Amino acid sequence: MSDKPTNADRAQWAKEALAAFTSRTFGGGHPDTMDRDDRQFALSDLIADLLHYARQQDYDIGSVVYRACGHFGAEILDESSATPPQDASETESALLKALNYLLEQTVDHDLKYGITLSEGEADARQQALAAIARSAHGGRRRSMPPSPSTSNR
């Protein structure tokens, strides 16, 4: 038996943190008794409050979010690689969908609201889009759209 936490352990810790949070907000409700929409709103509110705390402590918010997404992705991949995939193409498809979703929710969201990307972020976005395009076209390279404007935030 390993002492390494599983993603189920991590989810339980998050649920406990959310329960502590909602005990002081949301009328003292517990995540188990909240409806799905309220629970999702509480999750978003807790994440926003964690970002307020990080800002108050003078952390770079973008780095915090980027690192959190990286940890999440690595933990998902780590746990999914613990059991051999039934179908490698199914696993690749799921990973590409997850990568695309991550881009939409982070980098593309910034672009949508006029937040320019650093040079590193723009490069990482281009590499991710290229990987998605290669996979969609059977591994063949294809040209990517021009990179969005960049700046050092």
N, C-alpha and C. Protein backbone atom coordinates (compact mmCIF):
# COMPACT_ATOMS: atom_id res chain seq x y z
N MET A 1 0.84 -1.19 0.00
CA MET A 1 0.00 0.00 0.00
C MET A 1 0.88 1.25 0.00
N SER A 2 0.54 2.19 -0.80
CA SER A 2 1.33 3.42 -0.95
C SER A 2 0.80 4.52 -0.05
N ASP A 3 1.73 5.36 0.44
CA ASP A 3 1.33 6.53 1.22
C ASP A 3 0.98 7.71 0.31
N LYS A 4 1.18 7.52 -0.98
CA LYS A 4 0.89 8.59 -1.94
C LYS A 4 -0.62 8.79 -2.04
N PRO A 5 -1.06 10.05 -1.91
CA PRO A 5 -2.51 10.28 -1.99
C PRO A 5 -3.06 10.01 -3.39
N THR A 6 -4.30 9.56 -3.41
CA THR A 6 -4.98 9.36 -4.68
C THR A 6 -5.79 10.61 -5.02
N ASN A 7 -6.31 10.66 -6.21
CA ASN A 7 -7.17 11.79 -6.58
C ASN A 7 -8.47 11.75 -5.78
N ALA A 8 -8.91 10.57 -5.38
CA ALA A 8 -10.08 10.48 -4.50
C ALA A 8 -9.76 11.12 -3.14
N ASP A 9 -8.53 10.89 -2.64
CA ASP A 9 -8.11 11.56 -1.39
C ASP A 9 -8.13 13.07 -1.57
N ARG A 10 -7.56 13.53 -2.67
CA ARG A 10 -7.50 14.98 -2.93
C ARG A 10 -8.89 15.58 -3.03
N ALA A 11 -9.80 14.87 -3.69
CA ALA A 11 -11.18 15.35 -3.82
C ALA A 11 -11.84 15.41 -2.44
N GLN A 12 -11.55 14.44 -1.59
CA GLN A 12 -12.12 14.45 -0.24
C GLN A 12 -11.59 15.64 0.55
N TRP A 13 -10.30 15.94 0.44
CA TRP A 13 -9.72 17.10 1.14
C TRP A 13 -10.40 18.38 0.66
N ALA A 14 -10.62 18.46 -0.65
CA ALA A 14 -11.28 19.65 -1.21
C ALA A 14 -12.71 19.75 -0.69
N LYS A 15 -13.39 18.62 -0.60
CA LYS A 15 -14.76 18.63 -0.07
C LYS A 15 -14.76 19.12 1.38
N GLU A 16 -13.78 18.69 2.16
CA GLU A 16 -13.68 19.13 3.55
C GLU A 16 -13.42 20.64 3.62
N ALA A 17 -12.54 21.14 2.74
CA ALA A 17 -12.29 22.59 2.69
C ALA A 17 -13.55 23.34 2.28
N LEU A 18 -14.27 22.80 1.29
CA LEU A 18 -15.50 23.42 0.84
C LEU A 18 -16.54 23.41 1.97
N ALA A 19 -16.61 22.33 2.73
CA ALA A 19 -17.55 22.25 3.85
C ALA A 19 -17.23 23.31 4.90
N ALA A 20 -15.94 23.49 5.18
CA ALA A 20 -15.54 24.53 6.14
C ALA A 20 -15.93 25.91 5.61
N PHE A 21 -15.73 26.11 4.32
CA PHE A 21 -16.06 27.39 3.69
C PHE A 21 -17.57 27.65 3.71
N THR A 22 -18.35 26.65 3.32
CA THR A 22 -19.80 26.85 3.25
C THR A 22 -20.44 26.90 4.63
N SER A 23 -19.72 26.42 5.65
CA SER A 23 -20.27 26.53 7.01
C SER A 23 -20.30 27.99 7.46
N ARG A 24 -19.45 28.84 6.83
CA ARG A 24 -19.42 30.27 7.16
C ARG A 24 -20.10 31.11 6.09
N THR A 25 -20.44 30.49 4.99
CA THR A 25 -21.11 31.18 3.88
C THR A 25 -22.28 30.31 3.45
N PHE A 26 -23.03 30.73 2.48
CA PHE A 26 -24.11 29.93 1.91
C PHE A 26 -25.06 29.40 2.99
N GLY A 27 -25.34 30.24 3.97
CA GLY A 27 -26.30 29.87 5.01
C GLY A 27 -25.86 28.70 5.86
N GLY A 28 -24.56 28.42 5.89
CA GLY A 28 -24.06 27.32 6.70
C GLY A 28 -24.30 25.96 6.09
N GLY A 29 -24.69 25.93 4.82
CA GLY A 29 -24.97 24.65 4.16
C GLY A 29 -23.74 23.77 4.03
N HIS A 30 -23.96 22.49 3.89
CA HIS A 30 -22.88 21.52 3.67
C HIS A 30 -22.95 21.08 2.21
N PRO A 31 -21.80 20.85 1.59
CA PRO A 31 -21.81 20.44 0.17
C PRO A 31 -22.72 19.25 -0.13
N ASP A 32 -22.85 18.32 0.82
CA ASP A 32 -23.71 17.15 0.59
C ASP A 32 -25.19 17.50 0.53
N THR A 33 -25.57 18.62 1.15
CA THR A 33 -26.99 18.98 1.18
C THR A 33 -27.34 20.11 0.22
N MET A 34 -26.34 20.67 -0.45
CA MET A 34 -26.57 21.78 -1.38
C MET A 34 -26.98 21.22 -2.74
N ASP A 35 -27.80 21.97 -3.47
CA ASP A 35 -28.09 21.52 -4.84
C ASP A 35 -26.86 21.78 -5.70
N ARG A 36 -26.82 21.13 -6.83
CA ARG A 36 -25.63 21.15 -7.69
C ARG A 36 -25.22 22.56 -8.09
N ASP A 37 -26.17 23.41 -8.46
CA ASP A 37 -25.84 24.78 -8.88
C ASP A 37 -25.23 25.58 -7.73
N ASP A 38 -25.82 25.46 -6.53
CA ASP A 38 -25.26 26.17 -5.37
C ASP A 38 -23.87 25.65 -5.02
N ARG A 39 -23.69 24.35 -5.12
CA ARG A 39 -22.38 23.76 -4.83
C ARG A 39 -21.33 24.26 -5.83
N GLN A 40 -21.72 24.34 -7.12
CA GLN A 40 -20.78 24.83 -8.13
C GLN A 40 -20.44 26.30 -7.86
N PHE A 41 -21.44 27.09 -7.49
CA PHE A 41 -21.20 28.49 -7.17
C PHE A 41 -20.28 28.60 -5.96
N ALA A 42 -20.49 27.77 -4.95
CA ALA A 42 -19.64 27.78 -3.75
C ALA A 42 -18.21 27.41 -4.11
N LEU A 43 -18.03 26.41 -4.98
CA LEU A 43 -16.68 26.04 -5.43
C LEU A 43 -15.99 27.23 -6.09
N SER A 44 -16.71 27.90 -7.00
CA SER A 44 -16.14 29.05 -7.69
C SER A 44 -15.80 30.16 -6.71
N ASP A 45 -16.69 30.38 -5.74
CA ASP A 45 -16.47 31.42 -4.75
C ASP A 45 -15.26 31.11 -3.88
N LEU A 46 -15.11 29.85 -3.49
CA LEU A 46 -13.94 29.45 -2.69
C LEU A 46 -12.66 29.66 -3.49
N ILE A 47 -12.65 29.27 -4.74
CA ILE A 47 -11.46 29.47 -5.57
C ILE A 47 -11.15 30.96 -5.69
N ALA A 48 -12.18 31.78 -5.90
CA ALA A 48 -11.98 33.23 -5.98
C ALA A 48 -11.40 33.77 -4.68
N ASP A 49 -11.90 33.29 -3.55
CA ASP A 49 -11.39 33.75 -2.26
C ASP A 49 -9.95 33.29 -2.04
N LEU A 50 -9.60 32.10 -2.51
CA LEU A 50 -8.21 31.66 -2.43
C LEU A 50 -7.31 32.57 -3.26
N LEU A 51 -7.82 33.01 -4.40
CA LEU A 51 -7.04 33.94 -5.23
C LEU A 51 -6.91 35.30 -4.55
N HIS A 52 -7.95 35.74 -3.83
CA HIS A 52 -7.84 36.97 -3.04
C HIS A 52 -6.74 36.83 -1.99
N TYR A 53 -6.71 35.68 -1.33
CA TYR A 53 -5.69 35.43 -0.33
C TYR A 53 -4.30 35.44 -0.96
N ALA A 54 -4.16 34.77 -2.10
CA ALA A 54 -2.86 34.74 -2.79
C ALA A 54 -2.42 36.15 -3.17
N ARG A 55 -3.35 36.95 -3.65
CA ARG A 55 -3.02 38.34 -4.01
C ARG A 55 -2.61 39.13 -2.78
N GLN A 56 -3.33 38.94 -1.68
CA GLN A 56 -3.01 39.62 -0.44
C GLN A 56 -1.60 39.25 0.05
N GLN A 57 -1.19 38.02 -0.23
CA GLN A 57 0.13 37.54 0.16
C GLN A 57 1.20 37.89 -0.89
N ASP A 58 0.78 38.65 -1.91
CA ASP A 58 1.67 39.13 -2.97
C ASP A 58 2.22 38.02 -3.87
N TYR A 59 1.38 37.01 -4.12
CA TYR A 59 1.73 35.99 -5.10
C TYR A 59 1.22 36.42 -6.47
N ASP A 60 1.87 35.94 -7.50
CA ASP A 60 1.42 36.19 -8.87
C ASP A 60 0.24 35.25 -9.15
N ILE A 61 -0.94 35.83 -9.33
CA ILE A 61 -2.17 35.04 -9.49
C ILE A 61 -2.07 34.11 -10.71
N GLY A 62 -1.56 34.63 -11.81
CA GLY A 62 -1.42 33.79 -13.01
C GLY A 62 -0.57 32.57 -12.75
N SER A 63 0.51 32.75 -12.01
CA SER A 63 1.38 31.62 -11.69
C SER A 63 0.68 30.61 -10.79
N VAL A 64 -0.09 31.12 -9.83
CA VAL A 64 -0.83 30.23 -8.93
C VAL A 64 -1.81 29.38 -9.73
N VAL A 65 -2.58 30.03 -10.60
CA VAL A 65 -3.58 29.30 -11.39
C VAL A 65 -2.89 28.34 -12.36
N TYR A 66 -1.84 28.80 -13.01
CA TYR A 66 -1.10 27.96 -13.96
C TYR A 66 -0.54 26.73 -13.26
N ARG A 67 0.06 26.94 -12.09
CA ARG A 67 0.63 25.82 -11.35
C ARG A 67 -0.47 24.86 -10.89
N ALA A 68 -1.60 25.41 -10.43
CA ALA A 68 -2.70 24.55 -9.99
C ALA A 68 -3.21 23.69 -11.15
N CYS A 69 -3.36 24.29 -12.32
CA CYS A 69 -3.81 23.52 -13.49
C CYS A 69 -2.79 22.45 -13.85
N GLY A 70 -1.51 22.80 -13.72
CA GLY A 70 -0.45 21.83 -14.00
C GLY A 70 -0.49 20.66 -13.03
N HIS A 71 -0.66 20.96 -11.74
CA HIS A 71 -0.77 19.90 -10.74
C HIS A 71 -1.97 19.00 -11.03
N PHE A 72 -3.10 19.64 -11.31
CA PHE A 72 -4.32 18.89 -11.59
C PHE A 72 -4.10 17.95 -12.78
N GLY A 73 -3.56 18.48 -13.87
CA GLY A 73 -3.32 17.67 -15.06
C GLY A 73 -2.35 16.53 -14.79
N ALA A 74 -1.26 16.83 -14.07
CA ALA A 74 -0.27 15.80 -13.76
C ALA A 74 -0.87 14.71 -12.88
N GLU A 75 -1.70 15.10 -11.92
CA GLU A 75 -2.32 14.12 -11.05
C GLU A 75 -3.32 13.24 -11.79
N ILE A 76 -4.06 13.84 -12.71
CA ILE A 76 -4.99 13.05 -13.53
C ILE A 76 -4.20 12.05 -14.39
N LEU A 77 -3.14 12.54 -15.04
CA LEU A 77 -2.33 11.66 -15.89
C LEU A 77 -1.66 10.57 -15.06
N ASP A 78 -1.15 10.95 -13.89
CA ASP A 78 -0.46 9.99 -13.04
C ASP A 78 -1.40 8.85 -12.64
N GLU A 79 -2.60 9.21 -12.23
CA GLU A 79 -3.54 8.19 -11.80
C GLU A 79 -4.04 7.37 -12.99
N SER A 80 -4.24 8.01 -14.14
CA SER A 80 -4.74 7.26 -15.29
C SER A 80 -3.66 6.33 -15.85
N SER A 81 -2.37 6.67 -15.63
CA SER A 81 -1.31 5.80 -16.13
C SER A 81 -1.06 4.63 -15.18
N ALA A 82 -1.65 4.68 -13.97
CA ALA A 82 -1.48 3.58 -13.02
C ALA A 82 -2.19 2.32 -13.51
N THR A 83 -3.25 2.49 -14.29
CA THR A 83 -3.95 1.34 -14.86
C THR A 83 -3.79 1.43 -16.37
N PRO A 84 -3.33 0.35 -17.00
CA PRO A 84 -3.12 0.40 -18.45
C PRO A 84 -4.42 0.70 -19.18
N PRO A 85 -4.35 1.58 -20.17
CA PRO A 85 -5.56 1.92 -20.92
C PRO A 85 -6.06 0.73 -21.72
N GLN A 86 -7.38 0.64 -21.82
CA GLN A 86 -7.99 -0.39 -22.64
C GLN A 86 -7.70 -0.11 -24.11
N ASP A 87 -7.75 1.14 -24.48
CA ASP A 87 -7.59 1.54 -25.86
C ASP A 87 -6.75 2.82 -25.89
N ALA A 88 -5.54 2.74 -26.44
CA ALA A 88 -4.64 3.89 -26.44
C ALA A 88 -5.24 5.08 -27.18
N SER A 89 -5.97 4.83 -28.28
CA SER A 89 -6.56 5.95 -29.02
C SER A 89 -7.64 6.64 -28.19
N GLU A 90 -8.34 5.86 -27.37
CA GLU A 90 -9.36 6.43 -26.49
C GLU A 90 -8.70 7.33 -25.44
N THR A 91 -7.56 6.88 -24.90
CA THR A 91 -6.83 7.67 -23.92
C THR A 91 -6.29 8.95 -24.55
N GLU A 92 -5.72 8.83 -25.75
CA GLU A 92 -5.21 10.01 -26.44
C GLU A 92 -6.33 11.00 -26.71
N SER A 93 -7.47 10.50 -27.14
CA SER A 93 -8.60 11.37 -27.41
C SER A 93 -9.04 12.10 -26.14
N ALA A 94 -9.09 11.39 -25.02
CA ALA A 94 -9.49 12.00 -23.76
C ALA A 94 -8.48 13.06 -23.32
N LEU A 95 -7.20 12.78 -23.51
CA LEU A 95 -6.16 13.75 -23.14
C LEU A 95 -6.24 14.99 -24.01
N LEU A 96 -6.47 14.81 -25.28
CA LEU A 96 -6.57 15.95 -26.18
C LEU A 96 -7.80 16.80 -25.86
N LYS A 97 -8.91 16.14 -25.53
CA LYS A 97 -10.10 16.89 -25.12
C LYS A 97 -9.81 17.67 -23.85
N ALA A 98 -9.11 17.05 -22.91
CA ALA A 98 -8.77 17.73 -21.66
C ALA A 98 -7.84 18.91 -21.92
N LEU A 99 -6.86 18.73 -22.80
CA LEU A 99 -5.94 19.82 -23.14
C LEU A 99 -6.70 20.97 -23.80
N ASN A 100 -7.58 20.64 -24.72
CA ASN A 100 -8.37 21.67 -25.38
C ASN A 100 -9.25 22.42 -24.38
N TYR A 101 -9.88 21.68 -23.48
CA TYR A 101 -10.72 22.31 -22.45
C TYR A 101 -9.89 23.21 -21.54
N LEU A 102 -8.71 22.74 -21.17
CA LEU A 102 -7.82 23.55 -20.33
C LEU A 102 -7.45 24.85 -21.04
N LEU A 103 -7.14 24.77 -22.33
CA LEU A 103 -6.85 25.99 -23.10
C LEU A 103 -8.04 26.94 -23.10
N GLU A 104 -9.22 26.39 -23.36
CA GLU A 104 -10.43 27.22 -23.41
C GLU A 104 -10.68 27.93 -22.08
N GLN A 105 -10.49 27.22 -20.98
CA GLN A 105 -10.83 27.75 -19.67
C GLN A 105 -9.76 28.67 -19.09
N THR A 106 -8.57 28.64 -19.63
CA THR A 106 -7.49 29.46 -19.07
C THR A 106 -7.00 30.48 -20.10
N VAL A 107 -6.14 30.05 -20.97
CA VAL A 107 -5.48 30.96 -21.91
C VAL A 107 -6.48 31.62 -22.85
N ASP A 108 -7.35 30.84 -23.47
CA ASP A 108 -8.31 31.42 -24.40
C ASP A 108 -9.29 32.35 -23.68
N HIS A 109 -9.59 32.03 -22.43
CA HIS A 109 -10.46 32.90 -21.63
C HIS A 109 -9.78 34.26 -21.42
N ASP A 110 -8.48 34.24 -21.12
CA ASP A 110 -7.73 35.50 -20.99
C ASP A 110 -7.81 36.31 -22.28
N LEU A 111 -7.57 35.64 -23.40
CA LEU A 111 -7.59 36.34 -24.69
C LEU A 111 -8.97 36.93 -24.97
N LYS A 112 -10.00 36.19 -24.63
CA LYS A 112 -11.37 36.65 -24.85
C LYS A 112 -11.63 37.97 -24.12
N TYR A 113 -11.04 38.12 -22.95
CA TYR A 113 -11.27 39.32 -22.15
C TYR A 113 -10.14 40.34 -22.28
N GLY A 114 -9.35 40.21 -23.34
CA GLY A 114 -8.35 41.22 -23.66
C GLY A 114 -7.08 41.16 -22.84
N ILE A 115 -6.87 40.07 -22.14
CA ILE A 115 -5.63 39.91 -21.37
C ILE A 115 -4.59 39.32 -22.31
N THR A 116 -3.51 40.05 -22.52
CA THR A 116 -2.49 39.56 -23.44
C THR A 116 -1.63 38.50 -22.75
N LEU A 117 -1.07 37.64 -23.55
CA LEU A 117 -0.27 36.53 -23.04
C LEU A 117 1.20 36.91 -22.99
N SER A 118 1.89 36.34 -22.02
CA SER A 118 3.35 36.49 -22.01
C SER A 118 3.90 35.68 -23.18
N GLU A 119 5.14 35.88 -23.50
CA GLU A 119 5.75 35.15 -24.61
C GLU A 119 5.71 33.64 -24.34
N GLY A 120 6.00 33.24 -23.11
CA GLY A 120 5.98 31.82 -22.75
C GLY A 120 4.59 31.23 -22.85
N GLU A 121 3.57 31.99 -22.42
CA GLU A 121 2.20 31.51 -22.51
C GLU A 121 1.78 31.35 -23.97
N ALA A 122 2.14 32.31 -24.79
CA ALA A 122 1.79 32.24 -26.21
C ALA A 122 2.48 31.04 -26.87
N ASP A 123 3.75 30.81 -26.52
CA ASP A 123 4.46 29.65 -27.07
C ASP A 123 3.82 28.34 -26.62
N ALA A 124 3.47 28.25 -25.34
CA ALA A 124 2.84 27.04 -24.82
C ALA A 124 1.50 26.81 -25.50
N ARG A 125 0.75 27.88 -25.73
CA ARG A 125 -0.54 27.77 -26.42
C ARG A 125 -0.34 27.24 -27.83
N GLN A 126 0.64 27.77 -28.53
CA GLN A 126 0.91 27.32 -29.89
C GLN A 126 1.31 25.85 -29.93
N GLN A 127 2.14 25.42 -28.97
CA GLN A 127 2.55 24.03 -28.92
C GLN A 127 1.35 23.11 -28.66
N ALA A 128 0.48 23.53 -27.74
CA ALA A 128 -0.71 22.73 -27.44
C ALA A 128 -1.63 22.65 -28.65
N LEU A 129 -1.85 23.78 -29.31
CA LEU A 129 -2.70 23.78 -30.50
C LEU A 129 -2.10 22.93 -31.61
N ALA A 130 -0.78 22.97 -31.75
CA ALA A 130 -0.11 22.16 -32.77
C ALA A 130 -0.28 20.67 -32.46
N ALA A 131 -0.17 20.30 -31.19
CA ALA A 131 -0.35 18.89 -30.81
C ALA A 131 -1.78 18.43 -31.10
N ILE A 132 -2.73 19.28 -30.80
CA ILE A 132 -4.14 18.95 -31.08
C ILE A 132 -4.35 18.80 -32.58
N ALA A 133 -3.80 19.73 -33.35
CA ALA A 133 -3.96 19.68 -34.81
C ALA A 133 -3.29 18.45 -35.40
N ARG A 134 -2.09 18.12 -34.92
CA ARG A 134 -1.40 16.92 -35.43
C ARG A 134 -2.21 15.67 -35.16
N SER A 135 -2.76 15.59 -33.98
CA SER A 135 -3.56 14.42 -33.62
C SER A 135 -4.81 14.33 -34.48
N ALA A 136 -5.43 15.47 -34.70
CA ALA A 136 -6.67 15.49 -35.50
C ALA A 136 -6.41 15.13 -36.96
N HIS A 137 -5.16 15.29 -37.39
CA HIS A 137 -4.81 15.01 -38.78
C HIS A 137 -3.85 13.83 -38.89
N GLY A 138 -4.00 12.88 -37.99
CA GLY A 138 -3.20 11.65 -38.07
C GLY A 138 -1.72 11.85 -37.90
N GLY A 139 -1.30 12.83 -37.11
CA GLY A 139 0.11 13.05 -36.85
C GLY A 139 0.80 13.95 -37.85
N ARG A 140 0.11 14.35 -38.91
CA ARG A 140 0.73 15.24 -39.89
C ARG A 140 0.76 16.65 -39.34
N ARG A 141 1.83 17.37 -39.63
CA ARG A 141 1.93 18.78 -39.23
C ARG A 141 1.04 19.62 -40.12
N ARG A 142 0.51 20.68 -39.52
CA ARG A 142 -0.21 21.66 -40.33
C ARG A 142 0.09 23.01 -39.73
N SER A 143 -0.06 24.02 -40.53
CA SER A 143 0.27 25.35 -40.03
C SER A 143 -0.78 25.81 -39.03
N MET A 144 -0.31 26.58 -38.06
CA MET A 144 -1.19 27.08 -37.01
C MET A 144 -1.48 28.54 -37.26
N PRO A 145 -2.60 29.03 -36.72
CA PRO A 145 -2.90 30.45 -36.86
C PRO A 145 -1.85 31.28 -36.15
N PRO A 146 -1.70 32.53 -36.53
CA PRO A 146 -0.70 33.36 -35.89
C PRO A 146 -0.96 33.48 -34.39
N SER A 147 0.13 33.61 -33.66
CA SER A 147 0.05 33.74 -32.21
C SER A 147 -0.56 35.07 -31.83
N PRO A 148 -1.37 35.11 -30.74
CA PRO A 148 -1.92 36.38 -30.30
C PRO A 148 -0.82 37.30 -29.80
N SER A 149 -1.14 38.57 -29.66
CA SER A 149 -0.14 39.50 -29.17
C SER A 149 0.27 39.12 -27.78
N THR A 150 1.52 39.39 -27.48
CA THR A 150 2.05 39.00 -26.17
C THR A 150 2.57 40.21 -25.44
N SER A 151 2.63 40.08 -24.14
CA SER A 151 3.26 41.08 -23.31
C SER A 151 3.70 40.41 -22.04
N ASN A 152 4.56 41.03 -21.32
CA ASN A 152 4.92 40.53 -20.01
C ASN A 152 4.04 41.20 -19.00
N ARG A 153 3.11 40.44 -18.47
CA ARG A 153 2.12 41.00 -17.54
C ARG A 153 2.77 41.59 -16.35
